[in-house]
Amino acid sequence: MRDDILDDGIHLPKASSFENAKEILRLKGDYAELHKKVRHGRNAIYWLIGLQALGFLIEGAQTNFEMIVVVIYAVVIGILIAAAVIAQKKPMIGFAIAIGLLVIMQILLFVGDPLSAIRGILVRIIIGYFLIVGMGAAGKYISTLRGLKSHGINVEGSELV
């Protein structure tokens, strides 16, 4: 039986009842919505990594790549890469690490260079928004994947459960 409401190519198993079929369709609808939010949260971490790498190149060139600048950026980029890797299997933890680091960086930037912090705040707010939305969706996303798996439907990301 093909799912005509959400045409994603996944065949539904024979439903034992109308309620069972209704539950599967509800779970698939939830999955479609939540998967997008979690994917955008992961992409926000990649954007943070890219912006930090760009900032490292610019600031490093201005300071002739002093050791302290290299070490600070290496630690920050390393933590963000770890958060991105963790977010693949445990999105809630990965997003929490990225949000925590983003908040700490913003506070330190306000203390160290308020003018620079104000200039880049819009980009950080946008990235923070996607991280928070992704973190909010991550818990329900995992439970939705578990629900689909319990009905015999394996979808992308089902290895998380």
C-alpha atoms as a PDB file:
ATOM      1  CA  MET A   1       0.000   0.000   0.000  1.00  0.00           C
ATOM      2  CA  ARG A   2       1.463   3.356  -0.971  1.00  0.00           C
ATOM      3  CA  ASP A   3       1.168   6.381   1.282  1.00  0.00           C
ATOM      4  CA  ASP A   4      -0.658   8.927  -0.900  1.00  0.00           C
ATOM      5  CA  ILE A   5      -0.810  11.700   1.685  1.00  0.00           C
ATOM      6  CA  LEU A   6       2.930  12.003   2.261  1.00  0.00           C
ATOM      7  CA  ASP A   7       4.378  10.602  -0.948  1.00  0.00           C
ATOM      8  CA  ASP A   8       7.902   9.806   0.177  1.00  0.00           C
ATOM      9  CA  GLY A   9       8.198   6.363  -1.381  1.00  0.00           C
ATOM     10  CA  ILE A  10       8.002   4.474   1.900  1.00  0.00           C
ATOM     11  CA  HIS A  11       5.484   1.654   1.733  1.00  0.00           C
ATOM     12  CA  LEU A  12       3.233   1.297   4.737  1.00  0.00           C
ATOM     13  CA  PRO A  13       2.883  -2.117   6.285  1.00  0.00           C
ATOM     14  CA  LYS A  14      -0.586  -3.636   6.315  1.00  0.00           C
ATOM     15  CA  ALA A  15      -2.341  -1.819   9.122  1.00  0.00           C
ATOM     16  CA  SER A  16      -4.177  -4.011  11.563  1.00  0.00           C
ATOM     17  CA  SER A  17      -6.707  -1.276  12.155  1.00  0.00           C
ATOM     18  CA  PHE A  18      -7.780   2.147  11.044  1.00  0.00           C
ATOM     19  CA  GLU A  19      -6.310   3.669  14.230  1.00  0.00           C
ATOM     20  CA  ASN A  20      -2.961   2.020  13.538  1.00  0.00           C
ATOM     21  CA  ALA A  21      -2.862   3.464  10.014  1.00  0.00           C
ATOM     22  CA  LYS A  22      -3.885   6.869  11.334  1.00  0.00           C
ATOM     23  CA  GLU A  23      -1.061   6.745  13.897  1.00  0.00           C
ATOM     24  CA  ILE A  24       1.484   5.841  11.222  1.00  0.00           C
ATOM     25  CA  LEU A  25       0.386   8.760   9.041  1.00  0.00           C
ATOM     26  CA  ARG A  26       0.551  11.126  12.016  1.00  0.00           C
ATOM     27  CA  LEU A  27       4.064   9.920  12.850  1.00  0.00           C
ATOM     28  CA  LYS A  28       5.176  10.355   9.240  1.00  0.00           C
ATOM     29  CA  GLY A  29       3.797  13.898   9.193  1.00  0.00           C
ATOM     30  CA  ASP A  30       5.597  14.696  12.438  1.00  0.00           C
ATOM     31  CA  TYR A  31       8.787  13.169  11.077  1.00  0.00           C
ATOM     32  CA  ALA A  32       8.677  15.313   7.925  1.00  0.00           C
ATOM     33  CA  GLU A  33       8.338  18.498   9.994  1.00  0.00           C
ATOM     34  CA  LEU A  34      10.820  17.609  12.740  1.00  0.00           C
ATOM     35  CA  HIS A  35      13.485  16.253  10.402  1.00  0.00           C
ATOM     36  CA  LYS A  36      13.667  19.647   8.695  1.00  0.00           C
ATOM     37  CA  LYS A  37      14.141  21.451  12.009  1.00  0.00           C
ATOM     38  CA  VAL A  38      16.858  19.083  13.203  1.00  0.00           C
ATOM     39  CA  ARG A  39      18.635  19.294   9.833  1.00  0.00           C
ATOM     40  CA  HIS A  40      18.578  23.111  10.006  1.00  0.00           C
ATOM     41  CA  GLY A  41      20.033  22.936  13.523  1.00  0.00           C
ATOM     42  CA  ARG A  42      22.874  20.746  12.277  1.00  0.00           C
ATOM     43  CA  ASN A  43      23.473  23.136   9.391  1.00  0.00           C
ATOM     44  CA  ALA A  44      23.686  26.009  11.886  1.00  0.00           C
ATOM     45  CA  ILE A  45      26.592  24.229  13.582  1.00  0.00           C
ATOM     46  CA  TYR A  46      28.340  23.919  10.215  1.00  0.00           C
ATOM     47  CA  TRP A  47      27.765  27.641   9.616  1.00  0.00           C
ATOM     48  CA  LEU A  48      29.313  28.386  13.007  1.00  0.00           C
ATOM     49  CA  ILE A  49      32.358  26.284  12.113  1.00  0.00           C
ATOM     50  CA  GLY A  50      32.722  28.111   8.796  1.00  0.00           C
ATOM     51  CA  LEU A  51      32.367  31.547  10.351  1.00  0.00           C
ATOM     52  CA  GLN A  52      34.894  30.689  13.067  1.00  0.00           C
ATOM     53  CA  ALA A  53      37.353  29.442  10.437  1.00  0.00           C
ATOM     54  CA  LEU A  54      36.874  32.644   8.443  1.00  0.00           C
ATOM     55  CA  GLY A  55      37.334  34.718  11.603  1.00  0.00           C
ATOM     56  CA  PHE A  56      40.513  32.773  12.354  1.00  0.00           C
ATOM     57  CA  LEU A  57      41.946  33.528   8.923  1.00  0.00           C
ATOM     58  CA  ILE A  58      41.134  37.233   9.186  1.00  0.00           C
ATOM     59  CA  GLU A  59      42.279  37.711  12.777  1.00  0.00           C
ATOM     60  CA  GLY A  60      45.276  35.438  12.292  1.00  0.00           C
ATOM     61  CA  ALA A  61      46.440  37.459   9.295  1.00  0.00           C
ATOM     62  CA  GLN A  62      46.125  40.671  11.307  1.00  0.00           C
ATOM     63  CA  THR A  63      48.161  39.291  14.227  1.00  0.00           C
ATOM     64  CA  ASN A  64      50.696  37.290  12.157  1.00  0.00           C
ATOM     65  CA  PHE A  65      49.152  34.087  13.535  1.00  0.00           C
ATOM     66  CA  GLU A  66      50.259  34.569  17.118  1.00  0.00           C
ATOM     67  CA  MET A  67      50.213  31.366  19.115  1.00  0.00           C
ATOM     68  CA  ILE A  68      47.432  32.490  21.509  1.00  0.00           C
ATOM     69  CA  VAL A  69      45.111  33.329  18.604  1.00  0.00           C
ATOM     70  CA  VAL A  70      45.796  29.980  16.943  1.00  0.00           C
ATOM     71  CA  VAL A  71      45.203  28.064  20.195  1.00  0.00           C
ATOM     72  CA  ILE A  72      41.944  29.882  21.024  1.00  0.00           C
ATOM     73  CA  TYR A  73      40.496  29.379  17.553  1.00  0.00           C
ATOM     74  CA  ALA A  74      41.693  25.756  17.435  1.00  0.00           C
ATOM     75  CA  VAL A  75      39.902  25.015  20.715  1.00  0.00           C
ATOM     76  CA  VAL A  76      36.686  26.749  19.624  1.00  0.00           C
ATOM     77  CA  ILE A  77      36.647  25.119  16.191  1.00  0.00           C
ATOM     78  CA  GLY A  78      37.493  21.747  17.756  1.00  0.00           C
ATOM     79  CA  ILE A  79      34.568  22.030  20.178  1.00  0.00           C
ATOM     80  CA  LEU A  80      32.221  22.992  17.339  1.00  0.00           C
ATOM     81  CA  ILE A  81      33.396  20.075  15.194  1.00  0.00           C
ATOM     82  CA  ALA A  82      32.831  17.752  18.167  1.00  0.00           C
ATOM     83  CA  ALA A  83      29.330  19.239  18.589  1.00  0.00           C
ATOM     84  CA  ALA A  84      28.611  18.632  14.892  1.00  0.00           C
ATOM     85  CA  VAL A  85      29.755  15.009  15.156  1.00  0.00           C
ATOM     86  CA  ILE A  86      27.730  14.451  18.337  1.00  0.00           C
ATOM     87  CA  ALA A  87      24.665  16.111  16.755  1.00  0.00           C
ATOM     88  CA  GLN A  88      24.577  13.368  14.109  1.00  0.00           C
ATOM     89  CA  LYS A  89      23.702  10.686  16.684  1.00  0.00           C
ATOM     90  CA  LYS A  90      22.565  12.701  19.716  1.00  0.00           C
ATOM     91  CA  PRO A  91      21.167  15.986  18.363  1.00  0.00           C
ATOM     92  CA  MET A  92      20.041  17.316  21.745  1.00  0.00           C
ATOM     93  CA  ILE A  93      23.549  17.094  23.232  1.00  0.00           C
ATOM     94  CA  GLY A  94      25.258  18.477  20.117  1.00  0.00           C
ATOM     95  CA  PHE A  95      22.903  21.457  19.971  1.00  0.00           C
ATOM     96  CA  ALA A  96      23.353  22.134  23.700  1.00  0.00           C
ATOM     97  CA  ILE A  97      27.137  22.222  23.299  1.00  0.00           C
ATOM     98  CA  ALA A  98      26.900  24.597  20.311  1.00  0.00           C
ATOM     99  CA  ILE A  99      24.402  26.895  22.060  1.00  0.00           C
ATOM    100  CA  GLY A 100      26.526  26.981  25.221  1.00  0.00           C
ATOM    101  CA  LEU A 101      29.655  27.829  23.255  1.00  0.00           C
ATOM    102  CA  LEU A 102      27.802  30.473  21.222  1.00  0.00           C
ATOM    103  CA  VAL A 103      26.563  32.168  24.418  1.00  0.00           C
ATOM    104  CA  ILE A 104      30.014  32.074  26.024  1.00  0.00           C
ATOM    105  CA  MET A 105      31.631  33.496  22.877  1.00  0.00           C
ATOM    106  CA  GLN A 106      29.051  36.281  22.676  1.00  0.00           C
ATOM    107  CA  ILE A 107      29.540  37.247  26.331  1.00  0.00           C
ATOM    108  CA  LEU A 108      33.330  37.270  25.956  1.00  0.00           C
ATOM    109  CA  LEU A 109      33.045  39.284  22.757  1.00  0.00           C
ATOM    110  CA  PHE A 110      30.872  41.883  24.504  1.00  0.00           C
ATOM    111  CA  VAL A 111      33.437  42.130  27.306  1.00  0.00           C
ATOM    112  CA  GLY A 112      36.472  42.218  25.007  1.00  0.00           C
ATOM    113  CA  ASP A 113      35.263  44.188  21.990  1.00  0.00           C
ATOM    114  CA  PRO A 114      31.701  45.544  22.282  1.00  0.00           C
ATOM    115  CA  LEU A 115      31.715  47.202  18.855  1.00  0.00           C
ATOM    116  CA  SER A 116      32.665  43.958  17.121  1.00  0.00           C
ATOM    117  CA  ALA A 117      30.062  42.059  19.136  1.00  0.00           C
ATOM    118  CA  ILE A 118      27.323  44.428  18.012  1.00  0.00           C
ATOM    119  CA  ARG A 119      28.347  44.173  14.366  1.00  0.00           C
ATOM    120  CA  GLY A 120      28.021  40.395  14.235  1.00  0.00           C
ATOM    121  CA  ILE A 121      25.077  39.955  16.562  1.00  0.00           C
ATOM    122  CA  LEU A 122      22.447  39.510  13.830  1.00  0.00           C
ATOM    123  CA  VAL A 123      24.260  36.505  12.345  1.00  0.00           C
ATOM    124  CA  ARG A 124      24.715  34.989  15.813  1.00  0.00           C
ATOM    125  CA  ILE A 125      21.034  35.525  16.609  1.00  0.00           C
ATOM    126  CA  ILE A 126      20.002  33.759  13.396  1.00  0.00           C
ATOM    127  CA  ILE A 127      22.351  30.834  14.061  1.00  0.00           C
ATOM    128  CA  GLY A 128      21.202  30.690  17.695  1.00  0.00           C
ATOM    129  CA  TYR A 129      17.579  30.632  16.555  1.00  0.00           C
ATOM    130  CA  PHE A 130      18.164  27.578  14.344  1.00  0.00           C
ATOM    131  CA  LEU A 131      20.096  25.843  17.123  1.00  0.00           C
ATOM    132  CA  ILE A 132      17.316  26.466  19.650  1.00  0.00           C
ATOM    133  CA  VAL A 133      14.582  25.330  17.237  1.00  0.00           C
ATOM    134  CA  GLY A 134      16.631  22.232  16.395  1.00  0.00           C
ATOM    135  CA  MET A 135      17.171  21.473  20.064  1.00  0.00           C
ATOM    136  CA  GLY A 136      13.471  21.890  20.785  1.00  0.00           C
ATOM    137  CA  ALA A 137      12.583  19.497  17.970  1.00  0.00           C
ATOM    138  CA  ALA A 138      15.276  16.907  18.763  1.00  0.00           C
ATOM    139  CA  GLY A 139      13.446  15.191  21.634  1.00  0.00           C
ATOM    140  CA  LYS A 140      10.206  14.731  19.722  1.00  0.00           C
ATOM    141  CA  TYR A 141      12.193  13.779  16.612  1.00  0.00           C
ATOM    142  CA  ILE A 142      13.784  10.812  18.397  1.00  0.00           C
ATOM    143  CA  SER A 143      10.445   9.686  19.856  1.00  0.00           C
ATOM    144  CA  THR A 144       8.851   9.961  16.392  1.00  0.00           C
ATOM    145  CA  LEU A 145      11.616   7.795  14.933  1.00  0.00           C
ATOM    146  CA  ARG A 146      11.030   5.249  17.706  1.00  0.00           C
ATOM    147  CA  GLY A 147       7.302   5.269  16.952  1.00  0.00           C
ATOM    148  CA  LEU A 148       7.889   4.682  13.247  1.00  0.00           C
ATOM    149  CA  LYS A 149      10.370   1.918  14.007  1.00  0.00           C
ATOM    150  CA  SER A 150       7.843   0.227  16.298  1.00  0.00           C
ATOM    151  CA  HIS A 151       5.464   0.071  13.305  1.00  0.00           C
ATOM    152  CA  GLY A 152       8.184  -1.494  11.142  1.00  0.00           C
ATOM    153  CA  ILE A 153       9.090   1.631   9.188  1.00  0.00           C
ATOM    154  CA  ASN A 154      12.780   2.463   8.906  1.00  0.00           C
ATOM    155  CA  VAL A 155      13.559   5.978   7.709  1.00  0.00           C
ATOM    156  CA  GLU A 156      16.662   8.080   7.365  1.00  0.00           C
ATOM    157  CA  GLY A 157      17.884   8.851  10.854  1.00  0.00           C
ATOM    158  CA  SER A 158      16.345   5.728  12.355  1.00  0.00           C
ATOM    159  CA  GLU A 159      19.837   4.629  13.368  1.00  0.00           C
ATOM    160  CA  LEU A 160      19.518   7.261  16.129  1.00  0.00           C
ATOM    161  CA  VAL A 161      17.036   5.115  18.037  1.00  0.00           C
END
